[in-house]
Protein backbone atom coordinates (compact mmCIF):
# COMPACT_ATOMS: atom_id res chain seq x y z
CA MET A 1 79.30 118.42 68.01
CA LEU A 2 81.61 116.43 70.30
CA LEU A 3 80.98 114.40 73.44
CA ASP A 4 81.40 117.36 75.80
CA SER A 5 79.37 119.86 73.79
CA PRO A 6 76.05 121.12 75.20
CA ILE A 7 74.10 119.99 72.13
CA PHE A 8 75.38 116.43 72.64
CA LEU A 9 74.80 116.30 76.39
CA TYR A 10 71.45 118.08 76.57
CA TYR A 11 69.76 116.98 73.34
CA PHE A 12 71.45 114.22 71.35
CA LEU A 13 72.32 111.83 74.21
CA PRO A 14 68.93 111.93 76.02
CA ILE A 15 67.07 111.33 72.74
CA VAL A 16 69.31 108.41 71.75
CA LEU A 17 69.05 106.86 75.23
CA ALA A 18 65.26 107.12 75.14
CA VAL A 19 64.98 105.55 71.68
CA PHE A 20 67.50 102.83 72.60
CA TYR A 21 65.74 101.71 75.79
CA LEU A 22 62.28 101.91 74.23
CA SER A 23 63.38 99.70 71.32
CA PRO A 24 63.31 95.88 71.45
CA PRO A 25 66.75 94.31 72.08
CA GLY A 26 66.97 93.02 68.51
CA ALA A 27 66.64 96.53 67.08
CA ARG A 28 69.06 98.27 69.42
CA GLY A 29 72.08 97.61 67.22
CA LEU A 30 70.36 99.47 64.38
CA VAL A 31 69.52 102.30 66.78
CA LEU A 32 73.20 102.65 67.62
CA LEU A 33 74.11 102.59 63.93
CA GLY A 34 71.58 105.32 63.18
CA ALA A 35 72.73 107.37 66.17
CA SER A 36 76.35 107.06 65.02
CA ALA A 37 75.45 108.24 61.52
CA VAL A 38 73.54 111.25 62.89
CA TYR A 39 76.36 112.07 65.32
CA PHE A 40 78.96 112.02 62.55
CA ALA A 41 76.74 114.06 60.22
CA LEU A 42 76.24 116.73 62.88
CA ALA A 43 79.94 116.77 63.78
CA ASP A 44 81.39 116.58 60.25
CA ALA A 45 78.84 116.32 57.44
CA ALA A 46 81.52 116.72 54.77
CA GLY A 47 83.40 113.71 56.09
CA LEU A 48 80.39 111.38 56.19
CA PRO A 49 80.86 110.07 52.60
CA VAL A 50 84.49 109.26 53.42
CA LEU A 51 83.46 107.27 56.48
CA ALA A 52 80.73 105.48 54.49
CA ALA A 53 83.19 104.56 51.74
CA ALA A 54 85.72 103.33 54.30
CA ILE A 55 83.07 101.17 55.96
CA LEU A 56 81.91 99.61 52.70
CA GLY A 57 85.44 99.10 51.38
CA ASN A 58 86.74 97.46 54.56
CA TYR A 59 83.62 95.31 54.89
CA LEU A 60 84.06 93.93 51.36
CA LEU A 61 87.81 93.47 51.82
CA GLY A 62 87.21 91.60 55.05
CA ARG A 63 84.84 89.20 53.30
CA LEU A 64 87.31 88.67 50.43
CA ILE A 65 90.23 88.12 52.81
CA GLY A 66 88.18 85.58 54.74
CA ARG A 67 87.58 83.59 51.56
CA GLY A 68 91.12 83.95 50.21
CA GLN A 69 93.94 81.47 50.69
CA GLY A 70 97.74 81.74 50.73
CA LYS A 71 99.20 84.49 48.56
CA ALA A 72 95.79 85.77 47.52
CA ARG A 73 94.87 86.42 51.16
CA GLU A 74 98.21 88.16 51.78
CA CYS A 75 97.79 90.35 48.70
CA LEU A 76 94.25 91.34 49.65
CA THR A 77 95.40 92.18 53.17
CA ALA A 78 98.25 94.30 51.80
CA VAL A 79 95.81 96.11 49.51
CA GLY A 80 93.48 96.79 52.43
CA VAL A 81 96.23 98.07 54.71
CA ALA A 82 97.67 100.25 51.92
CA ALA A 83 94.23 101.64 51.05
CA ASN A 84 93.55 102.64 54.65
CA LEU A 85 96.99 104.17 55.09
CA GLY A 86 96.59 105.98 51.78
CA LEU A 87 93.23 107.35 52.88
CA LEU A 88 94.73 108.51 56.17
CA ALA A 89 97.81 110.06 54.57
CA GLY A 90 95.87 111.71 51.76
CA TYR A 91 93.52 113.54 54.08
CA LYS A 92 95.72 114.08 57.11
CA TYR A 93 98.89 115.13 55.36
CA GLY A 94 97.45 116.55 52.13
CA GLY A 95 96.86 119.99 53.59
CA GLY A 96 93.05 119.94 53.53
CA ALA A 97 90.47 119.30 56.23
CA SER A 98 90.52 115.75 57.62
CA PRO A 99 87.32 113.80 58.28
CA LEU A 100 86.45 113.45 61.96
CA GLY A 101 88.32 110.59 63.65
CA ILE A 102 90.11 109.40 60.51
CA SER A 103 93.26 108.45 62.44
CA PHE A 104 91.19 106.27 64.72
CA PHE A 105 88.72 104.56 62.38
CA THR A 106 91.41 103.72 59.80
CA PHE A 107 93.59 102.09 62.47
CA GLY A 108 90.58 100.15 63.72
CA ALA A 109 89.88 98.95 60.18
CA ILE A 110 93.50 97.91 59.62
CA ALA A 111 93.44 95.89 62.84
CA TYR A 112 90.24 94.16 61.67
CA LEU A 113 91.67 93.22 58.26
CA ILE A 114 94.89 91.86 59.76
CA ASP A 115 92.99 89.90 62.43
CA VAL A 116 90.83 88.32 59.72
CA SER A 117 93.91 87.55 57.63
CA ARG A 118 95.64 85.88 60.58
CA GLY A 119 92.59 83.73 61.23
CA GLY A 120 91.96 85.17 64.67
CA LEU A 121 88.63 86.73 63.68
CA ALA A 122 85.91 85.59 61.31
CA PRO A 123 84.87 88.21 58.75
CA GLU A 124 81.67 89.95 59.78
CA ARG A 125 78.76 88.97 57.54
CA SER A 126 76.40 91.77 58.55
CA LEU A 127 77.19 95.12 56.94
CA SER A 128 75.07 96.99 59.49
CA ARG A 129 76.87 95.38 62.42
CA PHE A 130 80.26 96.08 60.84
CA ALA A 131 79.26 99.71 60.25
CA ALA A 132 78.04 100.05 63.84
CA ALA A 133 81.36 98.70 65.15
CA MET A 134 83.47 100.95 62.93
CA ALA A 135 81.42 104.12 63.46
CA PHE A 136 80.23 103.66 67.07
CA PHE A 137 79.80 107.29 68.09
CA PRO A 138 81.42 107.27 71.58
CA LYS A 139 84.77 106.20 70.10
CA ILE A 140 84.73 107.64 66.56
CA THR A 141 86.18 111.05 67.50
CA ALA A 142 89.29 110.06 69.47
CA GLY A 143 89.17 106.39 70.31
CA PRO A 144 89.83 104.17 72.11
CA ILE A 145 90.96 102.13 69.10
CA ALA A 146 88.74 99.15 69.81
CA ARG A 147 89.30 95.72 68.27
CA PHE A 148 86.15 94.75 66.39
CA GLY A 149 86.02 91.15 67.61
CA PRO A 150 84.64 91.91 71.10
CA LEU A 151 82.32 94.61 69.72
CA PHE A 152 80.41 92.48 67.20
CA PRO A 153 78.54 90.25 69.69
CA GLU A 154 77.66 93.20 71.93
CA LEU A 155 76.10 95.02 68.98
CA VAL A 156 73.79 92.12 68.05
CA ARG A 157 71.40 92.52 70.98
CA PRO A 158 72.82 95.07 73.43
CA ARG A 159 71.54 94.37 76.95
CA PRO A 160 73.04 96.84 79.44
CA THR A 161 72.80 95.76 83.08
CA PHE A 162 72.03 98.00 86.03
CA GLU A 163 75.74 97.97 86.88
CA ASP A 164 76.54 99.04 83.31
CA VAL A 165 74.20 102.01 83.63
CA ARG A 166 75.45 102.98 87.11
CA GLN A 167 79.13 102.76 86.25
CA GLY A 168 78.57 104.25 82.80
CA ALA A 169 76.86 107.34 84.18
CA TRP A 170 79.63 107.73 86.75
CA ARG A 171 82.37 107.52 84.11
CA VAL A 172 80.60 110.12 81.96
CA ALA A 173 80.37 112.50 84.93
CA VAL A 174 84.01 111.96 85.89
CA GLY A 175 85.20 112.38 82.31
CA LEU A 176 83.24 115.58 81.82
CA ALA A 177 84.59 116.96 85.11
CA LYS A 178 88.16 116.10 84.12
CA LYS A 179 87.70 118.01 80.90
CA THR A 180 85.88 121.08 82.17
CA LEU A 181 86.99 121.49 85.79
CA VAL A 182 90.64 120.45 85.52
CA ALA A 183 91.88 120.52 81.91
CA GLY A 184 89.78 123.54 81.01
CA THR A 185 90.93 125.47 84.08
CA LEU A 186 94.61 124.76 83.45
CA ALA A 187 94.51 125.43 79.70
CA PRO A 188 94.81 129.26 79.96
CA LEU A 189 98.04 128.97 81.96
CA ALA A 190 99.55 126.53 79.48
CA ASP A 191 98.36 128.62 76.54
CA ALA A 192 99.79 131.81 78.05
CA ALA A 193 103.20 130.21 78.59
CA PHE A 194 103.45 128.55 75.19
CA GLY A 195 101.96 131.59 73.46
CA ARG A 196 104.62 134.05 74.63
CA SER A 197 106.94 134.87 71.76
CA SER A 198 109.57 136.51 73.96
CA GLY A 199 110.39 137.30 77.59
CA LEU A 200 109.48 133.82 78.84
CA ASP A 201 111.16 133.27 82.21
CA MET A 202 112.05 129.96 83.83
CA GLY A 203 109.24 130.10 86.39
CA THR A 204 106.56 130.75 83.79
CA ALA A 205 107.99 128.06 81.51
CA TRP A 206 107.96 125.35 84.18
CA LEU A 207 104.54 126.34 85.48
CA GLY A 208 103.13 126.33 81.95
CA LEU A 209 104.70 122.95 81.25
CA ALA A 210 103.33 121.50 84.48
CA CYS A 211 99.89 122.79 83.56
CA TYR A 212 100.07 121.32 80.07
CA THR A 213 101.32 117.99 81.46
CA ALA A 214 98.19 117.83 83.60
CA GLN A 215 95.93 119.36 80.93
CA ILE A 216 96.65 116.81 78.22
CA TYR A 217 96.21 113.89 80.62
CA TYR A 218 92.92 115.10 82.06
CA ASP A 219 91.65 116.22 78.66
CA PHE A 220 92.40 112.91 76.92
CA SER A 221 91.60 110.59 79.82
CA GLY A 222 88.43 112.63 80.36
CA TYR A 223 87.41 111.90 76.78
CA THR A 224 88.19 108.20 77.30
CA ASP A 225 86.16 108.12 80.51
CA MET A 226 83.21 109.62 78.65
CA ALA A 227 83.60 107.22 75.71
CA VAL A 228 83.85 104.15 77.95
CA GLY A 229 80.97 105.38 80.11
CA LEU A 230 78.74 106.08 77.11
CA GLY A 231 79.52 102.64 75.74
CA ARG A 232 78.45 101.02 79.02
CA LEU A 233 75.18 102.98 79.01
CA PHE A 234 74.42 101.06 75.80
CA GLY A 235 75.83 97.74 76.99
CA VAL A 236 79.03 98.05 74.92
CA HIS A 237 82.38 97.61 76.68
CA LEU A 238 85.16 99.71 75.13
CA PRO A 239 88.78 99.12 76.17
CA GLU A 240 90.47 101.26 78.79
CA ASN A 241 93.05 103.72 77.52
CA PHE A 242 94.81 104.93 80.67
CA GLU A 243 96.10 103.43 83.90
CA HIS A 244 97.60 106.29 85.93
CA PRO A 245 100.53 106.85 83.53
CA TYR A 246 102.23 109.53 85.59
CA VAL A 247 103.00 107.10 88.44
CA SER A 248 105.29 105.15 86.07
CA ARG A 249 108.99 104.74 86.82
CA SER A 250 110.25 104.26 83.27
CA VAL A 251 109.25 105.36 79.79
CA ARG A 252 108.56 101.71 78.98
CA GLU A 253 106.06 101.52 81.84
CA PHE A 254 104.58 104.88 80.83
CA TRP A 255 103.64 103.49 77.40
CA ARG A 256 101.96 100.51 79.04
CA ARG A 257 99.72 103.02 80.85
CA TRP A 258 99.32 105.90 78.35
CA HIS A 259 97.03 105.69 75.28
CA ILE A 260 96.95 101.94 75.74
CA SER A 261 94.86 101.21 72.66
CA LEU A 262 97.36 103.03 70.39
CA SER A 263 100.50 101.60 71.98
CA SER A 264 99.05 98.07 71.86
CA TRP A 265 98.08 98.62 68.20
CA PHE A 266 101.63 99.55 67.29
CA ARG A 267 102.93 96.61 69.33
CA ASP A 268 100.66 94.00 67.72
CA TYR A 269 100.58 95.24 64.13
CA LEU A 270 104.04 96.81 63.65
CA TYR A 271 106.56 96.13 66.41
CA ILE A 272 106.02 92.37 66.66
CA PRO A 273 105.89 91.84 62.85
CA LEU A 274 109.19 93.74 62.64
CA GLY A 275 110.67 91.17 65.02
CA GLY A 276 109.75 92.72 68.35
CA GLY A 277 112.18 91.97 71.13
CA ARG A 278 113.29 88.63 69.70
CA CYS A 279 115.96 90.13 67.41
CA ALA A 280 119.54 91.18 67.95
CA PRO A 281 119.83 94.13 70.38
CA TRP A 282 120.60 96.65 67.63
CA ARG A 283 117.57 95.46 65.65
CA VAL A 284 115.28 95.76 68.67
CA GLN A 285 116.40 99.34 69.20
CA ALA A 286 115.92 100.10 65.51
CA ASN A 287 112.41 98.61 65.69
CA LEU A 288 111.57 100.86 68.64
CA LEU A 289 112.80 103.95 66.80
CA ILE A 290 110.78 103.03 63.69
CA VAL A 291 107.62 102.38 65.70
CA PHE A 292 107.80 105.60 67.69
CA ALA A 293 108.78 107.71 64.72
CA LEU A 294 105.59 106.49 63.05
CA CYS A 295 103.67 107.01 66.30
CA GLY A 296 104.80 110.64 66.21
CA VAL A 297 103.84 111.04 62.54
CA TRP A 298 100.44 109.46 63.29
CA HIS A 299 99.75 112.50 65.49
CA GLY A 300 100.67 114.94 62.73
CA ALA A 301 102.97 115.55 59.77
CA THR A 302 105.20 118.10 61.50
CA LEU A 303 108.82 117.99 62.55
CA ASN A 304 107.79 118.43 66.17
CA PHE A 305 105.63 115.30 66.21
CA LEU A 306 108.35 113.28 64.50
CA ILE A 307 110.95 114.40 67.06
CA TRP A 308 108.47 113.77 69.89
CA GLY A 309 108.03 110.19 68.72
CA LEU A 310 111.79 109.70 68.31
CA TRP A 311 112.34 111.25 71.75
CA HIS A 312 110.30 108.46 73.33
CA GLY A 313 111.85 105.87 71.03
CA VAL A 314 115.35 106.88 72.16
CA PHE A 315 114.47 106.54 75.84
CA LEU A 316 112.82 103.16 75.23
CA SER A 317 115.94 102.02 73.38
CA LEU A 318 118.20 103.25 76.19
CA GLU A 319 116.12 101.40 78.76
CA ARG A 320 116.97 98.13 76.99
CA THR A 321 120.71 98.75 77.48
CA ALA A 322 122.97 98.94 80.53
CA PHE A 323 121.28 102.25 81.33
CA GLY A 324 118.02 100.38 81.92
CA ARG A 325 119.69 97.98 84.33
CA TRP A 326 121.29 100.90 86.14
CA LEU A 327 117.93 102.66 86.32
CA ASP A 328 116.21 99.57 87.77
CA ALA A 329 118.70 99.58 90.66
CA ARG A 330 117.94 103.18 91.61
CA PRO A 331 115.41 104.22 94.31
CA ALA A 332 111.78 104.44 93.21
CA ALA A 333 111.66 108.21 93.77
CA LEU A 334 114.61 108.77 91.43
CA ARG A 335 113.08 106.57 88.73
CA HIS A 336 109.80 108.44 89.03
CA ALA A 337 111.58 111.78 88.73
CA TYR A 338 113.40 110.51 85.63
CA LEU A 339 110.09 109.48 84.04
CA LEU A 340 108.34 112.76 84.78
CA LEU A 341 111.22 114.85 83.48
CA SER A 342 111.50 112.76 80.29
CA VAL A 343 107.77 112.92 79.56
CA MET A 344 107.36 116.59 80.46
CA LEU A 345 110.22 117.68 78.22
CA GLY A 346 108.66 115.63 75.45
CA TRP A 347 105.38 117.51 75.91
CA VAL A 348 107.19 120.72 74.90
CA LEU A 349 107.62 119.26 71.42
CA PHE A 350 104.03 118.02 71.41
CA ARG A 351 102.47 121.34 72.46
CA ALA A 352 104.66 123.87 70.64
CA THR A 353 103.38 125.01 67.26
CA ASP A 354 106.75 124.54 65.54
CA PHE A 355 110.37 123.68 66.24
CA ALA A 356 111.40 127.32 66.72
CA VAL A 357 108.85 127.69 69.53
CA SER A 358 110.12 124.44 71.06
CA ALA A 359 113.70 125.72 71.01
CA ARG A 360 112.69 128.98 72.71
CA TYR A 361 110.73 127.07 75.33
CA PHE A 362 113.59 124.70 76.12
CA SER A 363 115.87 127.72 76.45
CA ALA A 364 113.46 129.34 78.92
CA LEU A 365 113.16 126.16 81.00
CA PHE A 366 116.88 126.25 81.74
CA SER A 367 117.55 130.00 81.54
CA PHE A 368 117.65 130.69 85.31
CA SER A 369 116.52 134.22 84.52
CA THR A 370 114.15 136.08 86.84
CA GLU A 371 112.90 138.43 84.11
CA GLY A 372 109.14 138.40 84.01
CA PHE A 373 108.86 136.06 87.01
CA ALA A 374 106.15 138.26 88.52
CA TYR A 375 104.09 137.70 85.35
CA THR A 376 103.87 134.03 86.25
CA TRP A 377 102.39 134.38 89.66
CA MET A 378 100.68 137.77 89.67
CA VAL A 379 98.76 137.63 86.40
CA ASP A 380 97.94 134.07 85.33
CA ALA A 381 98.53 131.83 88.34
CA THR A 382 95.20 132.47 90.04
CA ARG A 383 94.23 130.56 93.13
CA GLN A 384 91.58 128.65 91.17
CA ARG A 385 94.12 127.43 88.61
CA LEU A 386 96.74 126.52 91.18
CA THR A 387 94.06 124.58 93.07
CA ALA A 388 93.17 122.77 89.85
CA LEU A 389 96.85 121.90 89.39
CA ALA A 390 97.04 120.52 92.94
CA VAL A 391 93.88 118.46 92.33
CA ALA A 392 95.37 117.21 89.07
CA VAL A 393 98.50 116.01 90.86
CA LEU A 394 96.45 114.30 93.56
CA PHE A 395 94.08 112.45 91.25
CA ALA A 396 96.85 111.36 88.89
CA MET A 397 97.64 108.80 91.60
CA PRO A 398 95.73 105.48 91.85
CA LEU A 399 93.31 106.60 94.57
CA ASP A 400 90.59 104.37 93.14
CA ARG A 401 92.52 101.28 94.24
CA LEU A 402 92.85 102.70 97.75
CA TRP A 403 89.11 103.40 97.86
CA THR A 404 88.28 99.89 96.63
CA GLY A 405 90.52 98.42 99.33
CA VAL A 406 88.86 100.49 102.05
CA CYS A 407 85.38 99.46 100.90
CA GLY A 408 86.47 95.82 100.80
CA ARG A 409 87.66 95.95 104.40
CA PHE A 410 84.39 97.29 105.77
CA GLY A 411 81.98 95.11 103.82
CA ASP A 412 78.41 95.79 102.69
CA ARG A 413 77.84 98.86 104.86
CA ALA A 414 80.80 100.63 103.29
CA ALA A 415 79.63 99.59 99.83
CA SER A 416 76.19 101.10 100.51
CA VAL A 417 77.70 104.35 101.76
CA ALA A 418 80.07 104.40 98.78
CA ALA A 419 77.18 103.95 96.32
CA THR A 420 75.28 106.84 97.91
CA GLY A 421 78.38 108.99 97.95
CA GLN A 422 79.02 108.18 94.30
CA LEU A 423 75.52 109.31 93.38
CA VAL A 424 75.92 112.60 95.26
CA ALA A 425 79.39 113.16 93.78
CA MET A 426 78.08 112.43 90.28
CA ALA A 427 75.34 115.04 90.65
CA GLY A 428 77.87 117.56 91.96
CA LEU A 429 80.34 116.94 89.14
CA LEU A 430 77.64 117.24 86.48
CA ALA A 431 76.30 120.45 88.02
CA ALA A 432 79.76 122.02 88.30
CA SER A 433 80.64 121.02 84.74
CA ALA A 434 77.34 122.44 83.46
CA MET A 435 78.07 125.78 85.14
CA ILE A 436 81.52 125.95 83.55
CA MET A 437 80.07 125.22 80.10
CA ALA A 438 77.26 127.74 80.61
CA ALA A 439 79.88 130.37 81.43
CA GLY A 440 81.47 129.84 78.04
CA GLY A 441 84.16 127.44 79.15
CA TYR A 442 83.66 124.86 76.37
CA ALA A 443 86.65 123.91 74.21
CA PRO A 444 87.13 120.82 71.97
CA PHE A 445 89.12 117.84 73.18
CA ILE A 446 92.83 118.03 72.29
CA TYR A 447 92.86 114.60 70.61
CA ALA A 448 89.80 115.41 68.50
CA ARG A 449 92.19 117.11 66.04
CA PHE A 450 94.14 113.88 65.49
């Protein structure tokens, strides 16, 4: 059971919402803890003991670190970080099945222990509140990687406002539509292109890559929209994870807009401790390569993920040299084209099942062969899927800012019309998504496997 599954949307969520709002404010934190435990048990019963052990272990370590001083505190922090990394590595790279969300809840726990060690966060005294923060069901599957500090007070007596409920419901509807109507529609084209073992022509390769570029963004940002929206329905504010990354004009800017909670985690807990940008130029570039190599390995223990991380690390390193200064002086359109090409070629490594498939795909992208070109357009590129691709391109741009500006210019009347339009659009998106799921169009989120 994941956030976009029918059993979650039609049964689990309505029941939890009813129990939550019928409970007194002081008991709502416990309701969320119970709901999170049930959600995890239904999604991955075998992994529940692992999550419970991680919660208890990190809670106790946090208390001990808070009491420790000097070297003792540093040693306890090192033990906690090593234990979480060992848990992650043992399950994720040991060849067996990984508990649901282990990459996300271990990174959240590491951030908590380090924040307590640095003195920026007091250790949480309530085990139930700590467990609710670590296992909060909207974020447990695929993030965002939320810092526990802002979560703790919101889980004491959650009091969602009307605006929380309105915006939360809207974000859930938008996220579900991104997943089912856009990502789900484009997935068959991407799968067909990447799944061809031979005879892949240049047209098919580029169309498949364009579809996957849109698919992974709408799939992952759709999950984040749902997670953030669900949090707001319960009065909990999770961090944003995306800010229109494909409008970026450099790889550096892209990583300020893509998977923000992960990139900021690596910045705060690895890049800056390594010296960040305050070192000699060669050391800064080495730090970037180390960070992004580990970022790639975080996604999976394969050569492709390692090279994907290093691919981004190399571009980030280059952008801190004379190449970056040259790039800054170029027209915006050229910089945007550079970013899109860099990121899209990186997605080949991310999507391909192994390095041999990646090599074949790169060869097809630049083969200039017309063999099989009709396959691209006549068989898989249906009007529905090409329309979804056009919609994906359109809504990858910051249209929300434009809409906010228009509403601001026309005052209260525009705001009233916008609110009504939002309600109608929300109903339409939910209905369309429900029809797609009823037709058998459900597939798990891409990042749920990480």
